[in-house]
């Protein structure tokens, strides 16, 4: 476990960067988690995606289809998550959600990530 902090706020993450206690999540913690995965600032679109992921997980307990995320936030493209976060797992970590079982993303160019069903 690793402790991340910003100002007076401290959070505990596991060795892969997933928030230890999901119920502790708030937007300030999201910013700390974002910085941990290399994203300096969470703009409105990024926060919309993160909040959608949290709502989806609360309702379904699973990782959503990425195109559905874009539609859910009013983005007409089907690649908003990749565009905003490069790796969709970064968005999931910033959302403070637990590591989803059996979901892995692969990139052949470092810019486009796709779900990898092989694992």
PDB file of N, CA and C in Angstrom:
ATOM      1  N   UNK A   1       0.836  -1.184   0.000  1.00  0.00           N
ATOM      2  CA  UNK A   1       0.000   0.000   0.000  1.00  0.00           C
ATOM      3  C   UNK A   1       0.884   1.253   0.000  1.00  0.00           C
ATOM      4  N   UNK A   2       0.370   2.280  -0.665  1.00  0.00           N
ATOM      5  CA  UNK A   2       1.073   3.551  -0.770  1.00  0.00           C
ATOM      6  C   UNK A   2       0.141   4.667  -0.324  1.00  0.00           C
ATOM      7  N   UNK A   3       0.688   5.644   0.362  1.00  0.00           N
ATOM      8  CA  UNK A   3      -0.095   6.808   0.771  1.00  0.00           C
ATOM      9  C   UNK A   3       0.192   7.939  -0.202  1.00  0.00           C
ATOM     10  N   UNK A   4      -0.867   8.493  -0.799  1.00  0.00           N
ATOM     11  CA  UNK A   4      -0.773   9.665  -1.671  1.00  0.00           C
ATOM     12  C   UNK A   4      -1.371  10.835  -0.900  1.00  0.00           C
ATOM     13  N   UNK A   5      -0.836  12.025  -1.115  1.00  0.00           N
ATOM     14  CA  UNK A   5      -1.386  13.167  -0.387  1.00  0.00           C
ATOM     15  C   UNK A   5      -1.323  14.439  -1.211  1.00  0.00           C
ATOM     16  N   UNK A   6      -2.192  15.350  -0.833  1.00  0.00           N
ATOM     17  CA  UNK A   6      -2.232  16.694  -1.405  1.00  0.00           C
ATOM     18  C   UNK A   6      -2.796  17.588  -0.308  1.00  0.00           C
ATOM     19  N   UNK A   7      -2.007  18.537   0.142  1.00  0.00           N
ATOM     20  CA  UNK A   7      -2.454  19.362   1.254  1.00  0.00           C
ATOM     21  C   UNK A   7      -2.678  18.496   2.474  1.00  0.00           C
ATOM     22  N   UNK A   8      -3.847  18.613   3.074  1.00  0.00           N
ATOM     23  CA  UNK A   8      -4.192  17.820   4.257  1.00  0.00           C
ATOM     24  C   UNK A   8      -4.829  16.482   3.910  1.00  0.00           C
ATOM     25  N   UNK A   9      -5.174  16.279   2.647  1.00  0.00           N
ATOM     26  CA  UNK A   9      -5.884  15.070   2.213  1.00  0.00           C
ATOM     27  C   UNK A   9      -4.889  13.959   1.921  1.00  0.00           C
ATOM     28  N   UNK A  10      -5.142  12.779   2.492  1.00  0.00           N
ATOM     29  CA  UNK A  10      -4.301  11.605   2.260  1.00  0.00           C
ATOM     30  C   UNK A  10      -5.179  10.431   1.864  1.00  0.00           C
ATOM     31  N   UNK A  11      -4.690   9.646   0.914  1.00  0.00           N
ATOM     32  CA  UNK A  11      -5.426   8.459   0.473  1.00  0.00           C
ATOM     33  C   UNK A  11      -4.471   7.278   0.376  1.00  0.00           C
ATOM     34  N   UNK A  12      -5.019   6.108   0.577  1.00  0.00           N
ATOM     35  CA  UNK A  12      -4.251   4.880   0.502  1.00  0.00           C
ATOM     36  C   UNK A  12      -4.621   4.153  -0.787  1.00  0.00           C
ATOM     37  N   UNK A  13      -3.609   3.784  -1.574  1.00  0.00           N
ATOM     38  CA  UNK A  13      -3.828   3.030  -2.812  1.00  0.00           C
ATOM     39  C   UNK A  13      -3.004   1.746  -2.766  1.00  0.00           C
ATOM     40  N   UNK A  14      -3.455   0.756  -3.534  1.00  0.00           N
ATOM     41  CA  UNK A  14      -2.700  -0.496  -3.584  1.00  0.00           C
ATOM     42  C   UNK A  14      -1.518  -0.347  -4.535  1.00  0.00           C
ATOM     43  N   UNK A  15      -0.779  -1.427  -4.743  1.00  0.00           N
ATOM     44  CA  UNK A  15       0.433  -1.382  -5.567  1.00  0.00           C
ATOM     45  C   UNK A  15       0.158  -1.037  -7.031  1.00  0.00           C
ATOM     46  N   UNK A  16      -1.087  -1.179  -7.479  1.00  0.00           N
ATOM     47  CA  UNK A  16      -1.436  -0.837  -8.854  1.00  0.00           C
ATOM     48  C   UNK A  16      -2.095   0.542  -8.971  1.00  0.00           C
ATOM     49  N   UNK A  17      -2.296   1.220  -7.849  1.00  0.00           N
ATOM     50  CA  UNK A  17      -2.868   2.559  -7.869  1.00  0.00           C
ATOM     51  C   UNK A  17      -4.367   2.623  -7.668  1.00  0.00           C
ATOM     52  N   UNK A  18      -5.000   1.518  -7.255  1.00  0.00           N
ATOM     53  CA  UNK A  18      -6.436   1.515  -7.000  1.00  0.00           C
ATOM     54  C   UNK A  18      -6.698   1.975  -5.573  1.00  0.00           C
ATOM     55  N   UNK A  19      -7.679   2.845  -5.399  1.00  0.00           N
ATOM     56  CA  UNK A  19      -8.046   3.384  -4.097  1.00  0.00           C
ATOM     57  C   UNK A  19      -8.432   2.257  -3.151  1.00  0.00           C
ATOM     58  N   UNK A  20      -7.874   2.291  -1.947  1.00  0.00           N
ATOM     59  CA  UNK A  20      -8.132   1.240  -0.974  1.00  0.00           C
ATOM     60  C   UNK A  20      -9.571   1.263  -0.466  1.00  0.00           C
ATOM     61  N   UNK A  21     -10.117   2.443  -0.218  1.00  0.00           N
ATOM     62  CA  UNK A  21     -11.477   2.566   0.298  1.00  0.00           C
ATOM     63  C   UNK A  21     -12.308   3.436  -0.643  1.00  0.00           C
ATOM     64  N   UNK A  22     -13.042   2.785  -1.529  1.00  0.00           N
ATOM     65  CA  UNK A  22     -13.817   3.473  -2.563  1.00  0.00           C
ATOM     66  C   UNK A  22     -14.811   4.481  -1.997  1.00  0.00           C
ATOM     67  N   UNK A  23     -15.367   4.206  -0.839  1.00  0.00           N
ATOM     68  CA  UNK A  23     -16.368   5.101  -0.250  1.00  0.00           C
ATOM     69  C   UNK A  23     -15.750   6.430   0.206  1.00  0.00           C
ATOM     70  N   UNK A  24     -14.425   6.523   0.272  1.00  0.00           N
ATOM     71  CA  UNK A  24     -13.749   7.761   0.674  1.00  0.00           C
ATOM     72  C   UNK A  24     -13.618   8.743  -0.496  1.00  0.00           C
ATOM     73  N   UNK A  25     -13.989   8.320  -1.697  1.00  0.00           N
ATOM     74  CA  UNK A  25     -13.776   9.103  -2.904  1.00  0.00           C
ATOM     75  C   UNK A  25     -14.562  10.413  -2.879  1.00  0.00           C
ATOM     76  N   UNK A  26     -13.910  11.471  -3.339  1.00  0.00           N
ATOM     77  CA  UNK A  26     -14.555  12.738  -3.648  1.00  0.00           C
ATOM     78  C   UNK A  26     -13.725  13.379  -4.763  1.00  0.00           C
ATOM     79  N   UNK A  27     -14.123  14.543  -5.228  1.00  0.00           N
ATOM     80  CA  UNK A  27     -13.421  15.161  -6.361  1.00  0.00           C
ATOM     81  C   UNK A  27     -11.988  15.547  -6.016  1.00  0.00           C
ATOM     82  N   UNK A  28     -11.736  15.880  -4.773  1.00  0.00           N
ATOM     83  CA  UNK A  28     -10.371  16.211  -4.358  1.00  0.00           C
ATOM     84  C   UNK A  28      -9.485  14.960  -4.408  1.00  0.00           C
ATOM     85  N   UNK A  29     -10.028  13.843  -3.966  1.00  0.00           N
ATOM     86  CA  UNK A  29      -9.293  12.578  -4.048  1.00  0.00           C
ATOM     87  C   UNK A  29      -9.100  12.188  -5.508  1.00  0.00           C
ATOM     88  N   UNK A  30     -10.093  12.459  -6.352  1.00  0.00           N
ATOM     89  CA  UNK A  30      -9.960  12.170  -7.783  1.00  0.00           C
ATOM     90  C   UNK A  30      -8.746  12.894  -8.356  1.00  0.00           C
ATOM     91  N   UNK A  31      -8.539  14.140  -7.951  1.00  0.00           N
ATOM     92  CA  UNK A  31      -7.392  14.900  -8.452  1.00  0.00           C
ATOM     93  C   UNK A  31      -6.078  14.274  -7.987  1.00  0.00           C
ATOM     94  N   UNK A  32      -6.029  13.817  -6.747  1.00  0.00           N
ATOM     95  CA  UNK A  32      -4.821  13.148  -6.235  1.00  0.00           C
ATOM     96  C   UNK A  32      -4.551  11.875  -7.038  1.00  0.00           C
ATOM     97  N   UNK A  33      -5.611  11.099  -7.288  1.00  0.00           N
ATOM     98  CA  UNK A  33      -5.469   9.861  -8.065  1.00  0.00           C
ATOM     99  C   UNK A  33      -5.060  10.164  -9.500  1.00  0.00           C
ATOM    100  N   UNK A  34      -5.592  11.250 -10.068  1.00  0.00           N
ATOM    101  CA  UNK A  34      -5.237  11.640 -11.436  1.00  0.00           C
ATOM    102  C   UNK A  34      -3.746  11.963 -11.530  1.00  0.00           C
ATOM    103  N   UNK A  35      -3.260  12.733 -10.596  1.00  0.00           N
ATOM    104  CA  UNK A  35      -1.838  13.080 -10.602  1.00  0.00           C
ATOM    105  C   UNK A  35      -0.975  11.831 -10.476  1.00  0.00           C
ATOM    106  N   UNK A  36      -1.448  10.846  -9.725  1.00  0.00           N
ATOM    107  CA  UNK A  36      -0.709   9.598  -9.557  1.00  0.00           C
ATOM    108  C   UNK A  36      -0.586   8.817 -10.865  1.00  0.00           C
ATOM    109  N   UNK A  37      -1.546   8.973 -11.783  1.00  0.00           N
ATOM    110  CA  UNK A  37      -1.473   8.267 -13.072  1.00  0.00           C
ATOM    111  C   UNK A  37      -1.003   9.179 -14.200  1.00  0.00           C
ATOM    112  N   UNK A  38      -0.517  10.378 -13.842  1.00  0.00           N
ATOM    113  CA  UNK A  38       0.083  11.259 -14.843  1.00  0.00           C
ATOM    114  C   UNK A  38      -0.840  12.267 -15.489  1.00  0.00           C
ATOM    115  N   UNK A  39      -2.002  12.509 -14.922  1.00  0.00           N
ATOM    116  CA  UNK A  39      -2.928  13.499 -15.460  1.00  0.00           C
ATOM    117  C   UNK A  39      -2.944  14.692 -14.501  1.00  0.00           C
ATOM    118  N   UNK A  40      -2.489  15.840 -15.000  1.00  0.00           N
ATOM    119  CA  UNK A  40      -2.324  17.011 -14.135  1.00  0.00           C
ATOM    120  C   UNK A  40      -3.632  17.650 -13.696  1.00  0.00           C
ATOM    121  N   UNK A  41      -4.602  17.715 -14.613  1.00  0.00           N
ATOM    122  CA  UNK A  41      -5.829  18.436 -14.296  1.00  0.00           C
ATOM    123  C   UNK A  41      -7.037  17.682 -14.827  1.00  0.00           C
ATOM    124  N   UNK A  42      -8.082  17.644 -14.020  1.00  0.00           N
ATOM    125  CA  UNK A  42      -9.335  17.022 -14.441  1.00  0.00           C
ATOM    126  C   UNK A  42     -10.294  18.115 -14.889  1.00  0.00           C
ATOM    127  N   UNK A  43     -10.501  18.203 -16.197  1.00  0.00           N
ATOM    128  CA  UNK A  43     -11.449  19.199 -16.711  1.00  0.00           C
ATOM    129  C   UNK A  43     -12.870  18.635 -16.624  1.00  0.00           C
ATOM    130  N   UNK A  44     -13.831  19.398 -17.106  1.00  0.00           N
ATOM    131  CA  UNK A  44     -15.238  19.017 -16.987  1.00  0.00           C
ATOM    132  C   UNK A  44     -15.548  17.695 -17.697  1.00  0.00           C
ATOM    133  N   UNK A  45     -15.013  17.502 -18.903  1.00  0.00           N
ATOM    134  CA  UNK A  45     -15.306  16.260 -19.628  1.00  0.00           C
ATOM    135  C   UNK A  45     -14.716  15.040 -18.911  1.00  0.00           C
ATOM    136  N   UNK A  46     -13.505  15.173 -18.410  1.00  0.00           N
ATOM    137  CA  UNK A  46     -12.906  14.067 -17.666  1.00  0.00           C
ATOM    138  C   UNK A  46     -13.743  13.741 -16.426  1.00  0.00           C
ATOM    139  N   UNK A  47     -14.179  14.772 -15.702  1.00  0.00           N
ATOM    140  CA  UNK A  47     -14.999  14.541 -14.507  1.00  0.00           C
ATOM    141  C   UNK A  47     -16.344  13.924 -14.876  1.00  0.00           C
ATOM    142  N   UNK A  48     -16.923  14.325 -16.012  1.00  0.00           N
ATOM    143  CA  UNK A  48     -18.184  13.715 -16.459  1.00  0.00           C
ATOM    144  C   UNK A  48     -17.995  12.215 -16.687  1.00  0.00           C
ATOM    145  N   UNK A  49     -16.879  11.841 -17.316  1.00  0.00           N
ATOM    146  CA  UNK A  49     -16.590  10.430 -17.567  1.00  0.00           C
ATOM    147  C   UNK A  49     -16.412   9.687 -16.245  1.00  0.00           C
ATOM    148  N   UNK A  50     -15.653  10.270 -15.346  1.00  0.00           N
ATOM    149  CA  UNK A  50     -15.390   9.636 -14.052  1.00  0.00           C
ATOM    150  C   UNK A  50     -16.687   9.449 -13.268  1.00  0.00           C
ATOM    151  N   UNK A  51     -17.523  10.469 -13.251  1.00  0.00           N
ATOM    152  CA  UNK A  51     -18.795  10.363 -12.519  1.00  0.00           C
ATOM    153  C   UNK A  51     -19.716   9.336 -13.168  1.00  0.00           C
ATOM    154  N   UNK A  52     -19.679   9.255 -14.498  1.00  0.00           N
ATOM    155  CA  UNK A  52     -20.474   8.229 -15.184  1.00  0.00           C
ATOM    156  C   UNK A  52     -19.998   6.833 -14.767  1.00  0.00           C
ATOM    157  N   UNK A  53     -18.678   6.634 -14.737  1.00  0.00           N
ATOM    158  CA  UNK A  53     -18.140   5.334 -14.325  1.00  0.00           C
ATOM    159  C   UNK A  53     -18.608   4.975 -12.915  1.00  0.00           C
ATOM    160  N   UNK A  54     -18.599   5.932 -12.027  1.00  0.00           N
ATOM    161  CA  UNK A  54     -19.039   5.685 -10.652  1.00  0.00           C
ATOM    162  C   UNK A  54     -20.527   5.321 -10.596  1.00  0.00           C
ATOM    163  N   UNK A  55     -21.346   6.057 -11.352  1.00  0.00           N
ATOM    164  CA  UNK A  55     -22.782   5.751 -11.377  1.00  0.00           C
ATOM    165  C   UNK A  55     -23.031   4.363 -11.950  1.00  0.00           C
ATOM    166  N   UNK A  56     -22.346   4.050 -13.036  1.00  0.00           N
ATOM    167  CA  UNK A  56     -22.512   2.747 -13.675  1.00  0.00           C
ATOM    168  C   UNK A  56     -22.113   1.629 -12.698  1.00  0.00           C
ATOM    169  N   UNK A  57     -20.988   1.810 -12.035  1.00  0.00           N
ATOM    170  CA  UNK A  57     -20.536   0.791 -11.103  1.00  0.00           C
ATOM    171  C   UNK A  57     -21.517   0.635  -9.936  1.00  0.00           C
ATOM    172  N   UNK A  58     -22.037   1.744  -9.429  1.00  0.00           N
ATOM    173  CA  UNK A  58     -22.997   1.683  -8.316  1.00  0.00           C
ATOM    174  C   UNK A  58     -24.253   0.918  -8.717  1.00  0.00           C
ATOM    175  N   UNK A  59     -24.665   1.073  -9.973  1.00  0.00           N
ATOM    176  CA  UNK A  59     -25.887   0.421 -10.442  1.00  0.00           C
ATOM    177  C   UNK A  59     -25.659  -1.025 -10.881  1.00  0.00           C
ATOM    178  N   UNK A  60     -24.540  -1.274 -11.592  1.00  0.00           N
ATOM    179  CA  UNK A  60     -24.332  -2.578 -12.223  1.00  0.00           C
ATOM    180  C   UNK A  60     -23.191  -3.403 -11.622  1.00  0.00           C
ATOM    181  N   UNK A  61     -22.293  -2.749 -10.873  1.00  0.00           N
ATOM    182  CA  UNK A  61     -21.159  -3.463 -10.285  1.00  0.00           C
ATOM    183  C   UNK A  61     -20.165  -3.971 -11.301  1.00  0.00           C
ATOM    184  N   UNK A  62     -20.078  -3.268 -12.449  1.00  0.00           N
ATOM    185  CA  UNK A  62     -19.189  -3.732 -13.513  1.00  0.00           C
ATOM    186  C   UNK A  62     -18.600  -2.561 -14.292  1.00  0.00           C
ATOM    187  N   UNK A  63     -17.632  -2.876 -15.123  1.00  0.00           N
ATOM    188  CA  UNK A  63     -17.006  -1.911 -16.025  1.00  0.00           C
ATOM    189  C   UNK A  63     -17.924  -1.756 -17.236  1.00  0.00           C
ATOM    190  N   UNK A  64     -18.269  -0.521 -17.632  1.00  0.00           N
ATOM    191  CA  UNK A  64     -19.205  -0.338 -18.749  1.00  0.00           C
ATOM    192  C   UNK A  64     -18.544  -0.492 -20.118  1.00  0.00           C
ATOM    193  N   UNK A  65     -19.371  -0.666 -21.115  1.00  0.00           N
ATOM    194  CA  UNK A  65     -18.917  -0.616 -22.503  1.00  0.00           C
ATOM    195  C   UNK A  65     -18.501   0.827 -22.756  1.00  0.00           C
ATOM    196  N   UNK A  66     -17.308   1.030 -23.307  1.00  0.00           N
ATOM    197  CA  UNK A  66     -16.760   2.383 -23.421  1.00  0.00           C
ATOM    198  C   UNK A  66     -17.612   3.311 -24.280  1.00  0.00           C
ATOM    199  N   UNK A  67     -18.174   2.802 -25.363  1.00  0.00           N
ATOM    200  CA  UNK A  67     -19.038   3.635 -26.207  1.00  0.00           C
ATOM    201  C   UNK A  67     -20.270   4.122 -25.461  1.00  0.00           C
ATOM    202  N   UNK A  68     -20.737   3.318 -24.526  1.00  0.00           N
ATOM    203  CA  UNK A  68     -21.902   3.695 -23.728  1.00  0.00           C
ATOM    204  C   UNK A  68     -21.570   4.854 -22.781  1.00  0.00           C
ATOM    205  N   UNK A  69     -20.337   4.893 -22.314  1.00  0.00           N
ATOM    206  CA  UNK A  69     -19.900   6.002 -21.458  1.00  0.00           C
ATOM    207  C   UNK A  69     -20.033   7.307 -22.232  1.00  0.00           C
ATOM    208  N   UNK A  70     -19.518   7.312 -23.462  1.00  0.00           N
ATOM    209  CA  UNK A  70     -19.550   8.525 -24.282  1.00  0.00           C
ATOM    210  C   UNK A  70     -20.987   8.966 -24.536  1.00  0.00           C
ATOM    211  N   UNK A  71     -21.825   8.023 -24.895  1.00  0.00           N
ATOM    212  CA  UNK A  71     -23.230   8.335 -25.121  1.00  0.00           C
ATOM    213  C   UNK A  71     -23.869   8.870 -23.841  1.00  0.00           C
ATOM    214  N   UNK A  72     -23.528   8.275 -22.704  1.00  0.00           N
ATOM    215  CA  UNK A  72     -24.093   8.665 -21.423  1.00  0.00           C
ATOM    216  C   UNK A  72     -23.729  10.071 -20.980  1.00  0.00           C
ATOM    217  N   UNK A  73     -22.591  10.574 -21.453  1.00  0.00           N
ATOM    218  CA  UNK A  73     -22.200  11.942 -21.090  1.00  0.00           C
ATOM    219  C   UNK A  73     -22.505  12.943 -22.206  1.00  0.00           C
ATOM    220  N   UNK A  74     -23.148  12.463 -23.276  1.00  0.00           N
ATOM    221  CA  UNK A  74     -23.539  13.354 -24.367  1.00  0.00           C
ATOM    222  C   UNK A  74     -22.461  13.603 -25.393  1.00  0.00           C
ATOM    223  N   UNK A  75     -21.428  12.761 -25.431  1.00  0.00           N
ATOM    224  CA  UNK A  75     -20.357  12.878 -26.420  1.00  0.00           C
ATOM    225  C   UNK A  75     -20.740  12.012 -27.613  1.00  0.00           C
ATOM    226  N   UNK A  76     -20.739  12.575 -28.790  1.00  0.00           N
ATOM    227  CA  UNK A  76     -21.176  11.841 -29.980  1.00  0.00           C
ATOM    228  C   UNK A  76     -20.151  10.813 -30.470  1.00  0.00           C
ATOM    229  N   UNK A  77     -18.910  10.921 -30.020  1.00  0.00           N
ATOM    230  CA  UNK A  77     -17.904   9.948 -30.440  1.00  0.00           C
ATOM    231  C   UNK A  77     -18.042   8.680 -29.599  1.00  0.00           C
ATOM    232  N   UNK A  78     -17.346   7.653 -30.019  1.00  0.00           N
ATOM    233  CA  UNK A  78     -17.354   6.412 -29.243  1.00  0.00           C
ATOM    234  C   UNK A  78     -16.011   6.200 -28.553  1.00  0.00           C
ATOM    235  N   UNK A  79     -15.121   7.195 -28.656  1.00  0.00           N
ATOM    236  CA  UNK A  79     -13.789   7.024 -28.075  1.00  0.00           C
ATOM    237  C   UNK A  79     -13.432   8.119 -27.069  1.00  0.00           C
ATOM    238  N   UNK A  80     -14.434   8.694 -26.415  1.00  0.00           N
ATOM    239  CA  UNK A  80     -14.166   9.791 -25.486  1.00  0.00           C
ATOM    240  C   UNK A  80     -13.267   9.360 -24.331  1.00  0.00           C
ATOM    241  N   UNK A  81     -13.422   8.149 -23.853  1.00  0.00           N
ATOM    242  CA  UNK A  81     -12.605   7.692 -22.728  1.00  0.00           C
ATOM    243  C   UNK A  81     -11.149   7.573 -23.170  1.00  0.00           C
ATOM    244  N   UNK A  82     -10.910   6.966 -24.333  1.00  0.00           N
ATOM    245  CA  UNK A  82      -9.544   6.873 -24.856  1.00  0.00           C
ATOM    246  C   UNK A  82      -8.970   8.250 -25.152  1.00  0.00           C
ATOM    247  N   UNK A  83      -9.775   9.126 -25.693  1.00  0.00           N
ATOM    248  CA  UNK A  83      -9.320  10.474 -26.034  1.00  0.00           C
ATOM    249  C   UNK A  83      -8.906  11.248 -24.779  1.00  0.00           C
ATOM    250  N   UNK A  84      -9.675  11.127 -23.732  1.00  0.00           N
ATOM    251  CA  UNK A  84      -9.425  11.902 -22.518  1.00  0.00           C
ATOM    252  C   UNK A  84      -8.394  11.268 -21.585  1.00  0.00           C
ATOM    253  N   UNK A  85      -8.309   9.940 -21.567  1.00  0.00           N
ATOM    254  CA  UNK A  85      -7.444   9.270 -20.596  1.00  0.00           C
ATOM    255  C   UNK A  85      -6.387   8.366 -21.219  1.00  0.00           C
ATOM    256  N   UNK A  86      -6.383   8.191 -22.531  1.00  0.00           N
ATOM    257  CA  UNK A  86      -5.518   7.263 -23.255  1.00  0.00           C
ATOM    258  C   UNK A  86      -5.843   5.819 -22.849  1.00  0.00           C
ATOM    259  N   UNK A  87      -5.574   5.459 -21.611  1.00  0.00           N
ATOM    260  CA  UNK A  87      -5.852   4.115 -21.108  1.00  0.00           C
ATOM    261  C   UNK A  87      -7.114   4.180 -20.243  1.00  0.00           C
ATOM    262  N   UNK A  88      -8.191   3.484 -20.622  1.00  0.00           N
ATOM    263  CA  UNK A  88      -9.435   3.526 -19.840  1.00  0.00           C
ATOM    264  C   UNK A  88      -9.268   3.130 -18.372  1.00  0.00           C
ATOM    265  N   UNK A  89      -8.269   2.312 -18.072  1.00  0.00           N
ATOM    266  CA  UNK A  89      -8.071   1.909 -16.684  1.00  0.00           C
ATOM    267  C   UNK A  89      -7.643   3.095 -15.823  1.00  0.00           C
ATOM    268  N   UNK A  90      -7.009   4.109 -16.437  1.00  0.00           N
ATOM    269  CA  UNK A  90      -6.670   5.323 -15.687  1.00  0.00           C
ATOM    270  C   UNK A  90      -7.945   5.998 -15.190  1.00  0.00           C
ATOM    271  N   UNK A  91      -8.946   6.088 -16.043  1.00  0.00           N
ATOM    272  CA  UNK A  91     -10.219   6.705 -15.652  1.00  0.00           C
ATOM    273  C   UNK A  91     -10.849   5.920 -14.505  1.00  0.00           C
ATOM    274  N   UNK A  92     -10.787   4.603 -14.589  1.00  0.00           N
ATOM    275  CA  UNK A  92     -11.363   3.737 -13.556  1.00  0.00           C
ATOM    276  C   UNK A  92     -10.657   3.968 -12.216  1.00  0.00           C
ATOM    277  N   UNK A  93      -9.334   4.064 -12.253  1.00  0.00           N
ATOM    278  CA  UNK A  93      -8.576   4.318 -11.025  1.00  0.00           C
ATOM    279  C   UNK A  93      -8.930   5.683 -10.441  1.00  0.00           C
ATOM    280  N   UNK A  94      -9.013   6.697 -11.278  1.00  0.00           N
ATOM    281  CA  UNK A  94      -9.343   8.046 -10.822  1.00  0.00           C
ATOM    282  C   UNK A  94     -10.748   8.069 -10.235  1.00  0.00           C
ATOM    283  N   UNK A  95     -11.630   7.248 -10.763  1.00  0.00           N
ATOM    284  CA  UNK A  95     -12.993   7.159 -10.240  1.00  0.00           C
ATOM    285  C   UNK A  95     -13.020   6.490  -8.865  1.00  0.00           C
ATOM    286  N   UNK A  96     -11.878   5.968  -8.435  1.00  0.00           N
ATOM    287  CA  UNK A  96     -11.784   5.377  -7.099  1.00  0.00           C
ATOM    288  C   UNK A  96     -12.461   4.036  -6.971  1.00  0.00           C
ATOM    289  N   UNK A  97     -12.618   3.345  -8.078  1.00  0.00           N
ATOM    290  CA  UNK A  97     -13.333   2.066  -8.070  1.00  0.00           C
ATOM    291  C   UNK A  97     -12.363   0.896  -7.933  1.00  0.00           C
ATOM    292  N   UNK A  98     -12.839  -0.234  -7.419  1.00  0.00           N
ATOM    293  CA  UNK A  98     -11.947  -1.387  -7.234  1.00  0.00           C
ATOM    294  C   UNK A  98     -11.511  -1.975  -8.567  1.00  0.00           C
ATOM    295  N   UNK A  99     -10.383  -2.642  -8.543  1.00  0.00           N
ATOM    296  CA  UNK A  99      -9.855  -3.260  -9.759  1.00  0.00           C
ATOM    297  C   UNK A  99     -10.880  -4.239 -10.311  1.00  0.00           C
ATOM    298  N   UNK A 100     -11.303  -4.020 -11.563  1.00  0.00           N
ATOM    299  CA  UNK A 100     -12.292  -4.939 -12.148  1.00  0.00           C
ATOM    300  C   UNK A 100     -11.627  -6.269 -12.505  1.00  0.00           C
ATOM    301  N   UNK A 101     -12.262  -7.369 -12.174  1.00  0.00           N
ATOM    302  CA  UNK A 101     -11.673  -8.671 -12.495  1.00  0.00           C
ATOM    303  C   UNK A 101     -11.713  -8.947 -13.998  1.00  0.00           C
ATOM    304  N   UNK A 102     -10.651  -9.505 -14.487  1.00  0.00           N
ATOM    305  CA  UNK A 102     -10.572  -9.981 -15.877  1.00  0.00           C
ATOM    306  C   UNK A 102     -10.785  -8.912 -16.931  1.00  0.00           C
ATOM    307  N   UNK A 103     -10.432  -7.663 -16.638  1.00  0.00           N
ATOM    308  CA  UNK A 103     -10.491  -6.621 -17.663  1.00  0.00           C
ATOM    309  C   UNK A 103      -9.091  -6.051 -17.807  1.00  0.00           C
ATOM    310  N   UNK A 104      -8.566  -6.182 -19.017  1.00  0.00           N
ATOM    311  CA  UNK A 104      -7.232  -5.685 -19.322  1.00  0.00           C
ATOM    312  C   UNK A 104      -7.316  -4.940 -20.644  1.00  0.00           C
ATOM    313  N   UNK A 105      -6.539  -3.900 -20.766  1.00  0.00           N
ATOM    314  CA  UNK A 105      -6.506  -3.132 -21.997  1.00  0.00           C
ATOM    315  C   UNK A 105      -5.116  -3.249 -22.600  1.00  0.00           C
ATOM    316  N   UNK A 106      -5.076  -3.394 -23.914  1.00  0.00           N
ATOM    317  CA  UNK A 106      -3.827  -3.536 -24.638  1.00  0.00           C
ATOM    318  C   UNK A 106      -3.700  -2.406 -25.642  1.00  0.00           C
ATOM    319  N   UNK A 107      -2.477  -1.930 -25.810  1.00  0.00           N
ATOM    320  CA  UNK A 107      -2.207  -0.905 -26.817  1.00  0.00           C
ATOM    321  C   UNK A 107      -1.031  -1.350 -27.656  1.00  0.00           C
ATOM    322  N   UNK A 108      -1.148  -1.143 -28.953  1.00  0.00           N
ATOM    323  CA  UNK A 108      -0.054  -1.471 -29.847  1.00  0.00           C
ATOM    324  C   UNK A 108       0.734  -0.227 -30.237  1.00  0.00           C
ATOM    325  N   UNK A 109       0.159   0.955 -29.942  1.00  0.00           N
ATOM    326  CA  UNK A 109       0.839   2.196 -30.299  1.00  0.00           C
ATOM    327  C   UNK A 109       0.984   3.165 -29.128  1.00  0.00           C
ATOM    328  N   UNK A 110       0.499   2.790 -27.957  1.00  0.00           N
ATOM    329  CA  UNK A 110       0.590   3.650 -26.788  1.00  0.00           C
ATOM    330  C   UNK A 110      -0.445   4.758 -26.753  1.00  0.00           C
ATOM    331  N   UNK A 111      -1.313   4.804 -27.760  1.00  0.00           N
ATOM    332  CA  UNK A 111      -2.327   5.851 -27.833  1.00  0.00           C
ATOM    333  C   UNK A 111      -3.743   5.310 -27.893  1.00  0.00           C
ATOM    334  N   UNK A 112      -3.912   4.111 -28.388  1.00  0.00           N
ATOM    335  CA  UNK A 112      -5.233   3.526 -28.549  1.00  0.00           C
ATOM    336  C   UNK A 112      -5.272   2.219 -27.763  1.00  0.00           C
ATOM    337  N   UNK A 113      -6.160   2.157 -26.769  1.00  0.00           N
ATOM    338  CA  UNK A 113      -6.285   0.974 -25.933  1.00  0.00           C
ATOM    339  C   UNK A 113      -7.584   0.252 -26.249  1.00  0.00           C
ATOM    340  N   UNK A 114      -7.493  -1.054 -26.309  1.00  0.00           N
ATOM    341  CA  UNK A 114      -8.682  -1.868 -26.569  1.00  0.00           C
ATOM    342  C   UNK A 114      -8.786  -2.934 -25.483  1.00  0.00           C
ATOM    343  N   UNK A 115     -10.020  -3.364 -25.160  1.00  0.00           N
ATOM    344  CA  UNK A 115     -10.154  -4.448 -24.189  1.00  0.00           C
ATOM    345  C   UNK A 115      -9.485  -5.702 -24.720  1.00  0.00           C
ATOM    346  N   UNK A 116      -8.794  -6.405 -23.862  1.00  0.00           N
ATOM    347  CA  UNK A 116      -8.093  -7.610 -24.260  1.00  0.00           C
ATOM    348  C   UNK A 116      -8.761  -8.812 -23.616  1.00  0.00           C
ATOM    349  N   UNK A 117      -9.515  -9.589 -24.378  1.00  0.00           N
ATOM    350  CA  UNK A 117     -10.241 -10.726 -23.825  1.00  0.00           C
ATOM    351  C   UNK A 117      -9.344 -11.948 -23.571  1.00  0.00           C
ATOM    352  N   UNK A 118      -8.092 -11.894 -23.969  1.00  0.00           N
ATOM    353  CA  UNK A 118      -7.211 -13.051 -23.851  1.00  0.00           C
ATOM    354  C   UNK A 118      -6.949 -13.387 -22.383  1.00  0.00           C
ATOM    355  N   UNK A 119      -6.828 -12.369 -21.550  1.00  0.00           N
ATOM    356  CA  UNK A 119      -6.516 -12.611 -20.140  1.00  0.00           C
ATOM    357  C   UNK A 119      -7.714 -13.160 -19.477  1.00  0.00           C
TER     358      UNK A 119
END
